Amino acid sequence: MKDGLGILRQVLRGILIAVLIGTVAIVVLFIGRPLHGDRHGAALTLNDINELTQSIEAFESEYGKLPDTASLDFELEGPQAAGFITVLLGKEAPQSNIQNRRQITFLALRISRNKRHGGLVFSSDNKPEGIYDRWGNPLRVILRSPGETTLTVPHAGKQVTTSKPFVVLSKGADGKWDTKDDVISKTK
C-alpha cells in the first residue's frame, strides 16, 4: 500500500511540474519577451549597444567620418534609422551619394523577429525597421556636433560629458529617458 502511495505521489509531482513548465512556456509565448530581471535585460542591452558602437566606430575608422544623418539626436526606429542601419549593413542601393562605397558589413547585430525581444528588426519586406533594447524601446544615438571636441548628454538624471563622437543609449526597463535605469555606451 505504501509503495502505491509513493508511486502516486511521484506521478502527481511529475504532472504538477509539467503543468508549471507548460504555464511558464505559454506565458513567455504570449507575452513575447523572456522572463528575466532588469539586470539581465540591461546586460543584454549593453551587449547590443556595444555591438552597435563598434560598428559605428569601424565605419568611422574606414571612411574617416560618421555616417551622415538628418539629425544629431535620433532614435533607431523609422526612416532616418532605416537609412543609418542600411549604411552600417553595407546594403545601400547603388547611387552616386552612397556612404558605404565598399559595401562593408559593419553591423553584425542579433536579428529579432519582434522588437519586444530587442536587437535588429526587419520589416516584412526585409528592410531595417529599427534596433531595440530588451524592453522593446528603440535605442537612441546622439552625435557630437561638427567642430566640437566634447559631447554632453543627459543620463540618469545628470549631464555626462565625453570626448567620444557619439553615444548610444537605451531607456531601460522603465521606458523613460534620463532615469537611473538607462543604459549608455562607454563614455571614456
N, C-alpha and C. Protein backbone atom coordinates (compact mmCIF):
# COMPACT_ATOMS: atom_id res chain seq x y z
N MET A 1 0.82 -1.20 0.00
CA MET A 1 0.00 0.00 0.00
C MET A 1 0.85 1.25 0.00
N LYS A 2 1.92 1.24 0.86
CA LYS A 2 2.79 2.41 0.91
C LYS A 2 3.50 2.61 -0.42
N ASP A 3 3.90 1.54 -1.10
CA ASP A 3 4.55 1.67 -2.41
C ASP A 3 3.62 2.31 -3.42
N GLY A 4 2.34 1.94 -3.37
CA GLY A 4 1.35 2.51 -4.28
C GLY A 4 1.18 4.00 -4.05
N LEU A 5 1.17 4.44 -2.77
CA LEU A 5 1.06 5.87 -2.46
C LEU A 5 2.30 6.62 -2.91
N GLY A 6 3.47 6.03 -2.76
CA GLY A 6 4.72 6.66 -3.19
C GLY A 6 4.74 6.88 -4.69
N ILE A 7 4.29 5.88 -5.42
CA ILE A 7 4.24 6.00 -6.89
C ILE A 7 3.23 7.06 -7.29
N LEU A 8 2.07 7.06 -6.64
CA LEU A 8 1.05 8.06 -6.93
C LEU A 8 1.57 9.48 -6.66
N ARG A 9 2.27 9.66 -5.55
CA ARG A 9 2.85 10.98 -5.24
C ARG A 9 3.86 11.39 -6.31
N GLN A 10 4.69 10.47 -6.77
CA GLN A 10 5.68 10.79 -7.82
C GLN A 10 4.99 11.17 -9.12
N VAL A 11 3.93 10.46 -9.47
CA VAL A 11 3.18 10.76 -10.69
C VAL A 11 2.54 12.14 -10.57
N LEU A 12 1.90 12.40 -9.42
CA LEU A 12 1.26 13.71 -9.22
C LEU A 12 2.30 14.83 -9.23
N ARG A 13 3.45 14.61 -8.60
CA ARG A 13 4.53 15.60 -8.61
C ARG A 13 4.99 15.86 -10.05
N GLY A 14 5.13 14.81 -10.84
CA GLY A 14 5.53 14.95 -12.24
C GLY A 14 4.52 15.75 -13.05
N ILE A 15 3.24 15.46 -12.81
CA ILE A 15 2.18 16.20 -13.50
C ILE A 15 2.21 17.68 -13.10
N LEU A 16 2.38 17.94 -11.82
CA LEU A 16 2.43 19.32 -11.34
C LEU A 16 3.62 20.07 -11.97
N ILE A 17 4.76 19.45 -12.02
CA ILE A 17 5.94 20.08 -12.64
C ILE A 17 5.69 20.33 -14.12
N ALA A 18 5.10 19.38 -14.82
CA ALA A 18 4.81 19.55 -16.24
C ALA A 18 3.83 20.70 -16.47
N VAL A 19 2.82 20.81 -15.59
CA VAL A 19 1.84 21.91 -15.70
C VAL A 19 2.54 23.25 -15.47
N LEU A 20 3.41 23.33 -14.47
CA LEU A 20 4.12 24.58 -14.20
C LEU A 20 5.02 24.97 -15.37
N ILE A 21 5.77 24.02 -15.90
CA ILE A 21 6.64 24.30 -17.05
C ILE A 21 5.81 24.74 -18.24
N GLY A 22 4.70 24.08 -18.48
CA GLY A 22 3.82 24.46 -19.59
C GLY A 22 3.25 25.85 -19.42
N THR A 23 2.87 26.20 -18.19
CA THR A 23 2.34 27.52 -17.90
C THR A 23 3.38 28.60 -18.18
N VAL A 24 4.60 28.38 -17.72
CA VAL A 24 5.68 29.35 -17.97
C VAL A 24 5.92 29.48 -19.47
N ALA A 25 5.93 28.37 -20.19
CA ALA A 25 6.15 28.41 -21.64
C ALA A 25 5.05 29.21 -22.34
N ILE A 26 3.81 29.02 -21.91
CA ILE A 26 2.68 29.75 -22.51
C ILE A 26 2.79 31.24 -22.21
N VAL A 27 3.14 31.59 -20.98
CA VAL A 27 3.30 33.00 -20.62
C VAL A 27 4.38 33.64 -21.48
N VAL A 28 5.53 32.98 -21.62
CA VAL A 28 6.62 33.51 -22.45
C VAL A 28 6.16 33.66 -23.89
N LEU A 29 5.44 32.68 -24.40
CA LEU A 29 4.98 32.71 -25.78
C LEU A 29 4.01 33.87 -26.02
N PHE A 30 3.05 34.06 -25.12
CA PHE A 30 2.04 35.08 -25.34
C PHE A 30 2.49 36.48 -24.94
N ILE A 31 3.35 36.60 -23.98
CA ILE A 31 3.87 37.92 -23.62
C ILE A 31 4.86 38.37 -24.68
N GLY A 32 5.61 37.43 -25.22
CA GLY A 32 6.54 37.77 -26.30
C GLY A 32 7.88 38.27 -25.83
N ARG A 33 8.19 38.14 -24.57
CA ARG A 33 9.51 38.55 -24.10
C ARG A 33 9.96 37.56 -23.04
N PRO A 34 11.26 37.34 -22.96
CA PRO A 34 11.75 36.38 -21.98
C PRO A 34 11.50 36.87 -20.56
N LEU A 35 11.34 35.91 -19.65
CA LEU A 35 11.17 36.26 -18.26
C LEU A 35 12.54 36.39 -17.62
N HIS A 36 13.00 37.61 -17.44
CA HIS A 36 14.27 37.83 -16.78
C HIS A 36 14.23 39.16 -16.06
N GLY A 37 15.10 39.32 -15.11
CA GLY A 37 15.14 40.54 -14.33
C GLY A 37 15.69 41.70 -15.14
N ASP A 38 15.55 42.88 -14.57
CA ASP A 38 16.02 44.09 -15.24
C ASP A 38 17.53 44.07 -15.42
N ARG A 39 18.28 43.50 -14.47
CA ARG A 39 19.73 43.44 -14.60
C ARG A 39 20.14 42.60 -15.80
N HIS A 40 19.47 41.48 -15.98
CA HIS A 40 19.78 40.63 -17.12
C HIS A 40 19.45 41.35 -18.43
N GLY A 41 18.29 42.02 -18.47
CA GLY A 41 17.91 42.79 -19.66
C GLY A 41 18.88 43.92 -19.92
N ALA A 42 19.35 44.56 -18.85
CA ALA A 42 20.32 45.65 -19.00
C ALA A 42 21.64 45.12 -19.56
N ALA A 43 22.06 43.95 -19.09
CA ALA A 43 23.31 43.36 -19.58
C ALA A 43 23.19 42.99 -21.05
N LEU A 44 22.07 42.42 -21.45
CA LEU A 44 21.86 42.06 -22.85
C LEU A 44 21.77 43.30 -23.73
N THR A 45 21.10 44.33 -23.23
CA THR A 45 21.00 45.60 -23.97
C THR A 45 22.37 46.24 -24.11
N LEU A 46 23.16 46.23 -23.04
CA LEU A 46 24.51 46.79 -23.11
C LEU A 46 25.35 46.05 -24.14
N ASN A 47 25.18 44.76 -24.24
CA ASN A 47 25.89 43.99 -25.27
C ASN A 47 25.50 44.48 -26.67
N ASP A 48 24.20 44.68 -26.91
CA ASP A 48 23.75 45.19 -28.21
C ASP A 48 24.28 46.61 -28.45
N ILE A 49 24.28 47.44 -27.41
CA ILE A 49 24.81 48.80 -27.54
C ILE A 49 26.29 48.75 -27.91
N ASN A 50 27.04 47.87 -27.26
CA ASN A 50 28.47 47.75 -27.57
C ASN A 50 28.70 47.27 -29.00
N GLU A 51 27.89 46.34 -29.47
CA GLU A 51 27.99 45.87 -30.86
C GLU A 51 27.72 47.01 -31.83
N LEU A 52 26.67 47.78 -31.57
CA LEU A 52 26.35 48.92 -32.43
C LEU A 52 27.46 49.96 -32.38
N THR A 53 27.97 50.25 -31.19
CA THR A 53 29.05 51.22 -31.03
C THR A 53 30.28 50.80 -31.83
N GLN A 54 30.64 49.53 -31.75
CA GLN A 54 31.80 49.04 -32.50
C GLN A 54 31.58 49.16 -34.01
N SER A 55 30.37 48.95 -34.47
CA SER A 55 30.11 49.06 -35.91
C SER A 55 30.22 50.51 -36.38
N ILE A 56 29.73 51.45 -35.57
CA ILE A 56 29.84 52.87 -35.93
C ILE A 56 31.31 53.30 -35.91
N GLU A 57 32.05 52.85 -34.89
CA GLU A 57 33.49 53.17 -34.82
C GLU A 57 34.25 52.57 -35.99
N ALA A 58 33.90 51.37 -36.41
CA ALA A 58 34.56 50.74 -37.56
C ALA A 58 34.27 51.52 -38.84
N PHE A 59 33.03 51.99 -38.99
CA PHE A 59 32.69 52.82 -40.15
C PHE A 59 33.54 54.08 -40.15
N GLU A 60 33.63 54.73 -38.99
CA GLU A 60 34.42 55.96 -38.88
C GLU A 60 35.89 55.69 -39.18
N SER A 61 36.41 54.57 -38.72
CA SER A 61 37.80 54.22 -38.99
C SER A 61 38.04 53.99 -40.48
N GLU A 62 37.09 53.35 -41.14
CA GLU A 62 37.23 53.05 -42.57
C GLU A 62 37.09 54.28 -43.45
N TYR A 63 36.13 55.15 -43.14
CA TYR A 63 35.82 56.28 -44.01
C TYR A 63 36.24 57.64 -43.46
N GLY A 64 36.74 57.70 -42.24
CA GLY A 64 37.21 58.96 -41.67
C GLY A 64 36.09 59.89 -41.23
N LYS A 65 34.88 59.38 -41.13
CA LYS A 65 33.73 60.19 -40.70
C LYS A 65 32.63 59.26 -40.24
N LEU A 66 31.67 59.82 -39.52
CA LEU A 66 30.50 59.05 -39.11
C LEU A 66 29.49 59.03 -40.26
N PRO A 67 28.58 58.07 -40.27
CA PRO A 67 27.54 58.09 -41.31
C PRO A 67 26.74 59.41 -41.25
N ASP A 68 26.36 59.92 -42.40
CA ASP A 68 25.56 61.14 -42.47
C ASP A 68 24.16 60.86 -41.93
N THR A 69 23.64 61.80 -41.16
CA THR A 69 22.29 61.69 -40.62
C THR A 69 21.59 63.04 -40.73
N ALA A 70 20.27 63.01 -40.74
CA ALA A 70 19.50 64.25 -40.81
C ALA A 70 19.49 64.98 -39.48
N SER A 71 19.71 64.24 -38.40
CA SER A 71 19.67 64.81 -37.06
C SER A 71 20.84 64.28 -36.25
N LEU A 72 21.30 65.05 -35.28
CA LEU A 72 22.39 64.61 -34.41
C LEU A 72 21.88 63.80 -33.22
N ASP A 73 20.58 63.75 -33.02
CA ASP A 73 19.98 63.04 -31.89
C ASP A 73 18.73 62.34 -32.43
N PHE A 74 18.77 61.02 -32.51
CA PHE A 74 17.64 60.30 -33.08
C PHE A 74 17.52 58.90 -32.49
N GLU A 75 16.29 58.39 -32.49
CA GLU A 75 16.04 57.02 -32.07
C GLU A 75 16.17 56.11 -33.27
N LEU A 76 16.57 54.88 -33.02
CA LEU A 76 16.81 53.92 -34.10
C LEU A 76 15.53 53.18 -34.48
N GLU A 77 14.57 53.97 -34.94
CA GLU A 77 13.30 53.46 -35.44
C GLU A 77 12.78 54.47 -36.44
N GLY A 78 12.25 54.01 -37.55
CA GLY A 78 11.71 54.91 -38.55
C GLY A 78 12.65 55.13 -39.72
N PRO A 79 12.29 56.05 -40.62
CA PRO A 79 13.04 56.25 -41.86
C PRO A 79 14.51 56.65 -41.67
N GLN A 80 14.80 57.61 -40.77
CA GLN A 80 16.19 58.01 -40.57
C GLN A 80 17.00 56.84 -40.04
N ALA A 81 16.42 56.11 -39.11
CA ALA A 81 17.10 54.95 -38.53
C ALA A 81 17.34 53.89 -39.61
N ALA A 82 16.35 53.65 -40.46
CA ALA A 82 16.49 52.65 -41.52
C ALA A 82 17.66 53.01 -42.44
N GLY A 83 17.79 54.29 -42.78
CA GLY A 83 18.91 54.72 -43.62
C GLY A 83 20.25 54.52 -42.92
N PHE A 84 20.32 54.89 -41.66
CA PHE A 84 21.53 54.75 -40.86
C PHE A 84 21.94 53.28 -40.76
N ILE A 85 20.97 52.41 -40.45
CA ILE A 85 21.23 50.98 -40.32
C ILE A 85 21.65 50.38 -41.66
N THR A 86 21.00 50.80 -42.74
CA THR A 86 21.32 50.29 -44.07
C THR A 86 22.76 50.61 -44.44
N VAL A 87 23.22 51.81 -44.08
CA VAL A 87 24.63 52.19 -44.33
C VAL A 87 25.56 51.24 -43.58
N LEU A 88 25.27 51.00 -42.29
CA LEU A 88 26.13 50.14 -41.47
C LEU A 88 26.08 48.68 -41.91
N LEU A 89 24.98 48.27 -42.53
CA LEU A 89 24.86 46.90 -43.04
C LEU A 89 25.54 46.73 -44.39
N GLY A 90 25.92 47.85 -45.04
CA GLY A 90 26.51 47.77 -46.37
C GLY A 90 25.50 47.40 -47.43
N LYS A 91 24.25 47.80 -47.24
CA LYS A 91 23.15 47.41 -48.13
C LYS A 91 22.52 48.59 -48.87
N GLU A 92 23.25 49.69 -49.00
CA GLU A 92 22.69 50.85 -49.72
C GLU A 92 22.50 50.51 -51.19
N ALA A 93 21.47 51.09 -51.78
CA ALA A 93 21.25 50.93 -53.21
C ALA A 93 22.36 51.69 -53.95
N PRO A 94 22.91 51.10 -55.01
CA PRO A 94 23.98 51.79 -55.75
C PRO A 94 23.48 53.13 -56.30
N GLN A 95 24.19 54.18 -55.95
CA GLN A 95 23.87 55.52 -56.42
C GLN A 95 25.10 56.39 -56.23
N SER A 96 25.05 57.61 -56.67
CA SER A 96 26.23 58.47 -56.63
C SER A 96 26.59 58.94 -55.21
N ASN A 97 25.62 59.06 -54.32
CA ASN A 97 25.89 59.57 -52.97
C ASN A 97 25.94 58.45 -51.92
N ILE A 98 26.35 57.28 -52.31
CA ILE A 98 26.43 56.15 -51.39
C ILE A 98 27.50 56.43 -50.33
N GLN A 99 27.19 56.18 -49.06
CA GLN A 99 28.12 56.46 -47.97
C GLN A 99 29.11 55.32 -47.74
N ASN A 100 28.64 54.10 -47.83
CA ASN A 100 29.47 52.93 -47.60
C ASN A 100 29.86 52.37 -48.98
N ARG A 101 30.78 53.09 -49.64
CA ARG A 101 31.15 52.79 -51.03
C ARG A 101 31.65 51.36 -51.23
N ARG A 102 32.29 50.81 -50.23
CA ARG A 102 32.84 49.45 -50.35
C ARG A 102 31.83 48.38 -49.95
N GLN A 103 30.62 48.81 -49.55
CA GLN A 103 29.55 47.89 -49.15
C GLN A 103 30.01 46.93 -48.04
N ILE A 104 30.76 47.46 -47.07
CA ILE A 104 31.27 46.66 -45.96
C ILE A 104 30.15 46.45 -44.94
N THR A 105 30.01 45.24 -44.44
CA THR A 105 29.04 44.96 -43.38
C THR A 105 29.70 45.26 -42.04
N PHE A 106 29.40 46.43 -41.50
CA PHE A 106 29.94 46.82 -40.20
C PHE A 106 29.07 46.30 -39.06
N LEU A 107 27.78 46.25 -39.28
CA LEU A 107 26.83 45.90 -38.23
C LEU A 107 26.51 44.41 -38.27
N ALA A 108 26.86 43.71 -37.21
CA ALA A 108 26.58 42.28 -37.10
C ALA A 108 25.82 42.06 -35.79
N LEU A 109 24.65 42.62 -35.72
CA LEU A 109 23.83 42.57 -34.51
C LEU A 109 22.83 41.43 -34.61
N ARG A 110 22.46 40.90 -33.48
CA ARG A 110 21.46 39.83 -33.42
C ARG A 110 20.16 40.30 -34.07
N ILE A 111 19.62 39.49 -34.94
CA ILE A 111 18.37 39.82 -35.63
C ILE A 111 17.21 39.20 -34.87
N SER A 112 16.17 39.99 -34.70
CA SER A 112 14.98 39.55 -33.96
C SER A 112 13.77 39.70 -34.86
N ARG A 113 12.77 38.88 -34.63
CA ARG A 113 11.52 38.98 -35.39
C ARG A 113 10.57 40.01 -34.79
N ASN A 114 10.84 40.38 -33.54
CA ASN A 114 9.90 41.21 -32.81
C ASN A 114 10.67 42.21 -31.97
N LYS A 115 10.32 43.48 -32.05
CA LYS A 115 11.07 44.50 -31.31
C LYS A 115 11.01 44.30 -29.80
N ARG A 116 10.00 43.62 -29.31
CA ARG A 116 9.90 43.36 -27.87
C ARG A 116 11.01 42.43 -27.37
N HIS A 117 11.69 41.77 -28.29
CA HIS A 117 12.81 40.90 -27.90
C HIS A 117 14.15 41.62 -28.01
N GLY A 118 14.14 42.83 -28.51
CA GLY A 118 15.37 43.60 -28.67
C GLY A 118 16.14 43.16 -29.90
N GLY A 119 17.19 43.91 -30.23
CA GLY A 119 18.03 43.58 -31.38
C GLY A 119 17.59 44.30 -32.64
N LEU A 120 18.13 43.86 -33.76
CA LEU A 120 17.83 44.44 -35.07
C LEU A 120 16.58 43.78 -35.64
N VAL A 121 15.59 44.58 -36.00
CA VAL A 121 14.32 44.07 -36.51
C VAL A 121 14.14 44.54 -37.95
N PHE A 122 13.75 43.60 -38.81
CA PHE A 122 13.45 43.91 -40.20
C PHE A 122 11.95 43.86 -40.42
N SER A 123 11.48 44.66 -41.38
CA SER A 123 10.06 44.64 -41.74
C SER A 123 9.78 43.40 -42.59
N SER A 124 8.52 43.18 -42.91
CA SER A 124 8.15 42.02 -43.72
C SER A 124 8.74 42.07 -45.12
N ASP A 125 9.09 43.27 -45.60
CA ASP A 125 9.73 43.38 -46.92
C ASP A 125 11.26 43.44 -46.81
N ASN A 126 11.79 42.96 -45.69
CA ASN A 126 13.23 42.79 -45.45
C ASN A 126 14.01 44.11 -45.44
N LYS A 127 13.39 45.15 -44.94
CA LYS A 127 14.07 46.44 -44.77
C LYS A 127 14.24 46.68 -43.27
N PRO A 128 15.35 47.34 -42.87
CA PRO A 128 15.54 47.59 -41.43
C PRO A 128 14.40 48.42 -40.85
N GLU A 129 13.86 47.94 -39.76
CA GLU A 129 12.77 48.66 -39.08
C GLU A 129 13.34 49.46 -37.91
N GLY A 130 14.33 48.88 -37.21
CA GLY A 130 14.94 49.57 -36.09
C GLY A 130 15.82 48.65 -35.27
N ILE A 131 16.47 49.25 -34.27
CA ILE A 131 17.27 48.50 -33.30
C ILE A 131 16.69 48.83 -31.93
N TYR A 132 16.37 47.78 -31.17
CA TYR A 132 15.61 47.93 -29.93
C TYR A 132 16.35 47.34 -28.73
N ASP A 133 16.05 47.89 -27.55
CA ASP A 133 16.59 47.31 -26.32
C ASP A 133 15.73 46.11 -25.93
N ARG A 134 16.07 45.46 -24.84
CA ARG A 134 15.38 44.24 -24.42
C ARG A 134 14.00 44.48 -23.84
N TRP A 135 13.56 45.73 -23.84
CA TRP A 135 12.22 46.05 -23.37
C TRP A 135 11.35 46.58 -24.51
N GLY A 136 11.86 46.48 -25.75
CA GLY A 136 11.08 46.88 -26.92
C GLY A 136 11.16 48.35 -27.28
N ASN A 137 12.07 49.11 -26.64
CA ASN A 137 12.22 50.54 -26.95
C ASN A 137 13.36 50.73 -27.94
N PRO A 138 13.20 51.65 -28.90
CA PRO A 138 14.30 51.89 -29.84
C PRO A 138 15.51 52.48 -29.12
N LEU A 139 16.71 52.04 -29.52
CA LEU A 139 17.92 52.66 -29.00
C LEU A 139 18.02 54.07 -29.53
N ARG A 140 18.84 54.89 -28.92
CA ARG A 140 19.00 56.29 -29.29
C ARG A 140 20.47 56.56 -29.57
N VAL A 141 20.74 57.32 -30.62
CA VAL A 141 22.11 57.72 -30.97
C VAL A 141 22.18 59.24 -30.86
N ILE A 142 23.20 59.73 -30.16
CA ILE A 142 23.45 61.17 -30.09
C ILE A 142 24.86 61.39 -30.62
N LEU A 143 24.97 62.21 -31.68
CA LEU A 143 26.25 62.50 -32.32
C LEU A 143 26.76 63.86 -31.87
N ARG A 144 28.07 63.98 -31.78
CA ARG A 144 28.70 65.26 -31.44
C ARG A 144 28.54 66.21 -32.62
N SER A 145 28.30 67.49 -32.33
CA SER A 145 28.18 68.50 -33.39
C SER A 145 29.51 68.66 -34.11
N PRO A 146 29.47 68.89 -35.42
CA PRO A 146 30.71 69.12 -36.17
C PRO A 146 31.51 70.28 -35.57
N GLY A 147 32.81 70.10 -35.45
CA GLY A 147 33.68 71.14 -34.90
C GLY A 147 33.81 71.12 -33.39
N GLU A 148 32.95 70.40 -32.71
CA GLU A 148 33.00 70.30 -31.25
C GLU A 148 34.00 69.21 -30.84
N THR A 149 34.56 69.35 -29.65
CA THR A 149 35.51 68.34 -29.16
C THR A 149 34.92 67.49 -28.05
N THR A 150 33.76 67.90 -27.52
CA THR A 150 33.08 67.11 -26.49
C THR A 150 31.60 66.99 -26.81
N LEU A 151 30.99 66.03 -26.17
CA LEU A 151 29.56 65.78 -26.32
C LEU A 151 28.99 65.64 -24.91
N THR A 152 27.93 66.37 -24.61
CA THR A 152 27.28 66.29 -23.31
C THR A 152 25.88 65.73 -23.53
N VAL A 153 25.55 64.67 -22.77
CA VAL A 153 24.25 64.02 -22.92
C VAL A 153 23.61 63.82 -21.55
N PRO A 154 22.28 63.85 -21.50
CA PRO A 154 21.60 63.55 -20.23
C PRO A 154 21.62 62.05 -19.99
N HIS A 155 21.97 61.66 -18.76
CA HIS A 155 21.96 60.24 -18.42
C HIS A 155 21.73 60.08 -16.92
N ALA A 156 20.70 59.34 -16.57
CA ALA A 156 20.39 59.01 -15.18
C ALA A 156 20.26 60.26 -14.30
N GLY A 157 19.63 61.30 -14.84
CA GLY A 157 19.37 62.50 -14.06
C GLY A 157 20.52 63.48 -13.97
N LYS A 158 21.60 63.26 -14.70
CA LYS A 158 22.72 64.21 -14.70
C LYS A 158 23.27 64.34 -16.12
N GLN A 159 24.16 65.29 -16.30
CA GLN A 159 24.79 65.51 -17.60
C GLN A 159 26.13 64.77 -17.63
N VAL A 160 26.36 63.99 -18.68
CA VAL A 160 27.61 63.25 -18.85
C VAL A 160 28.33 63.84 -20.05
N THR A 161 29.59 64.21 -19.87
CA THR A 161 30.40 64.77 -20.96
C THR A 161 31.45 63.76 -21.37
N THR A 162 31.59 63.60 -22.67
CA THR A 162 32.55 62.65 -23.23
C THR A 162 33.28 63.28 -24.41
N SER A 163 34.48 62.79 -24.69
CA SER A 163 35.20 63.24 -25.88
C SER A 163 34.88 62.33 -27.07
N LYS A 164 34.11 61.29 -26.84
CA LYS A 164 33.71 60.40 -27.93
C LYS A 164 32.80 61.15 -28.90
N PRO A 165 32.82 60.78 -30.18
CA PRO A 165 32.00 61.49 -31.16
C PRO A 165 30.51 61.16 -31.11
N PHE A 166 30.15 60.13 -30.35
CA PHE A 166 28.74 59.75 -30.25
C PHE A 166 28.54 58.87 -29.03
N VAL A 167 27.29 58.73 -28.61
CA VAL A 167 26.90 57.76 -27.59
C VAL A 167 25.64 57.05 -28.07
N VAL A 168 25.44 55.85 -27.55
CA VAL A 168 24.23 55.08 -27.82
C VAL A 168 23.57 54.82 -26.48
N LEU A 169 22.26 55.04 -26.40
CA LEU A 169 21.53 54.90 -25.13
C LEU A 169 20.29 54.03 -25.28
N SER A 170 19.85 53.49 -24.13
CA SER A 170 18.59 52.77 -24.02
C SER A 170 17.80 53.41 -22.88
N LYS A 171 16.48 53.42 -23.02
CA LYS A 171 15.61 53.96 -21.97
C LYS A 171 15.60 53.08 -20.72
N GLY A 172 16.03 51.84 -20.85
CA GLY A 172 15.98 50.93 -19.71
C GLY A 172 14.59 50.36 -19.51
N ALA A 173 14.44 49.60 -18.44
CA ALA A 173 13.21 48.86 -18.18
C ALA A 173 11.99 49.75 -17.98
N ASP A 174 12.18 50.96 -17.45
CA ASP A 174 11.02 51.82 -17.18
C ASP A 174 10.49 52.52 -18.43
N GLY A 175 11.23 52.45 -19.54
CA GLY A 175 10.77 53.05 -20.79
C GLY A 175 10.79 54.57 -20.82
N LYS A 176 11.55 55.20 -19.90
CA LYS A 176 11.62 56.66 -19.83
C LYS A 176 13.07 57.11 -19.94
N TRP A 177 13.29 58.22 -20.64
CA TRP A 177 14.63 58.77 -20.77
C TRP A 177 15.07 59.48 -19.49
N ASP A 178 16.37 59.48 -19.30
CA ASP A 178 17.04 60.23 -18.24
C ASP A 178 16.63 59.78 -16.84
N THR A 179 16.53 58.45 -16.66
CA THR A 179 16.27 57.88 -15.34
C THR A 179 17.41 56.93 -14.99
N LYS A 180 17.46 56.49 -13.75
CA LYS A 180 18.62 55.72 -13.26
C LYS A 180 18.80 54.37 -13.93
N ASP A 181 17.79 53.82 -14.59
CA ASP A 181 17.95 52.51 -15.22
C ASP A 181 18.36 52.60 -16.70
N ASP A 182 18.56 53.81 -17.22
CA ASP A 182 19.02 53.95 -18.60
C ASP A 182 20.36 53.25 -18.79
N VAL A 183 20.59 52.76 -20.00
CA VAL A 183 21.85 52.09 -20.33
C VAL A 183 22.55 52.95 -21.38
N ILE A 184 23.87 53.15 -21.20
CA ILE A 184 24.63 54.04 -22.10
C ILE A 184 25.91 53.35 -22.56
N SER A 185 26.36 53.69 -23.75
CA SER A 185 27.63 53.18 -24.24
C SER A 185 28.77 53.79 -23.44
N LYS A 186 29.96 53.25 -23.59
CA LYS A 186 31.12 53.77 -22.87
C LYS A 186 31.34 55.23 -23.23
N THR A 187 31.64 56.03 -22.21
CA THR A 187 31.86 57.46 -22.42
C THR A 187 33.31 57.85 -22.20
N LYS A 188 34.18 56.91 -21.82
CA LYS A 188 35.61 57.21 -21.60
C LYS A 188 36.47 56.39 -22.51
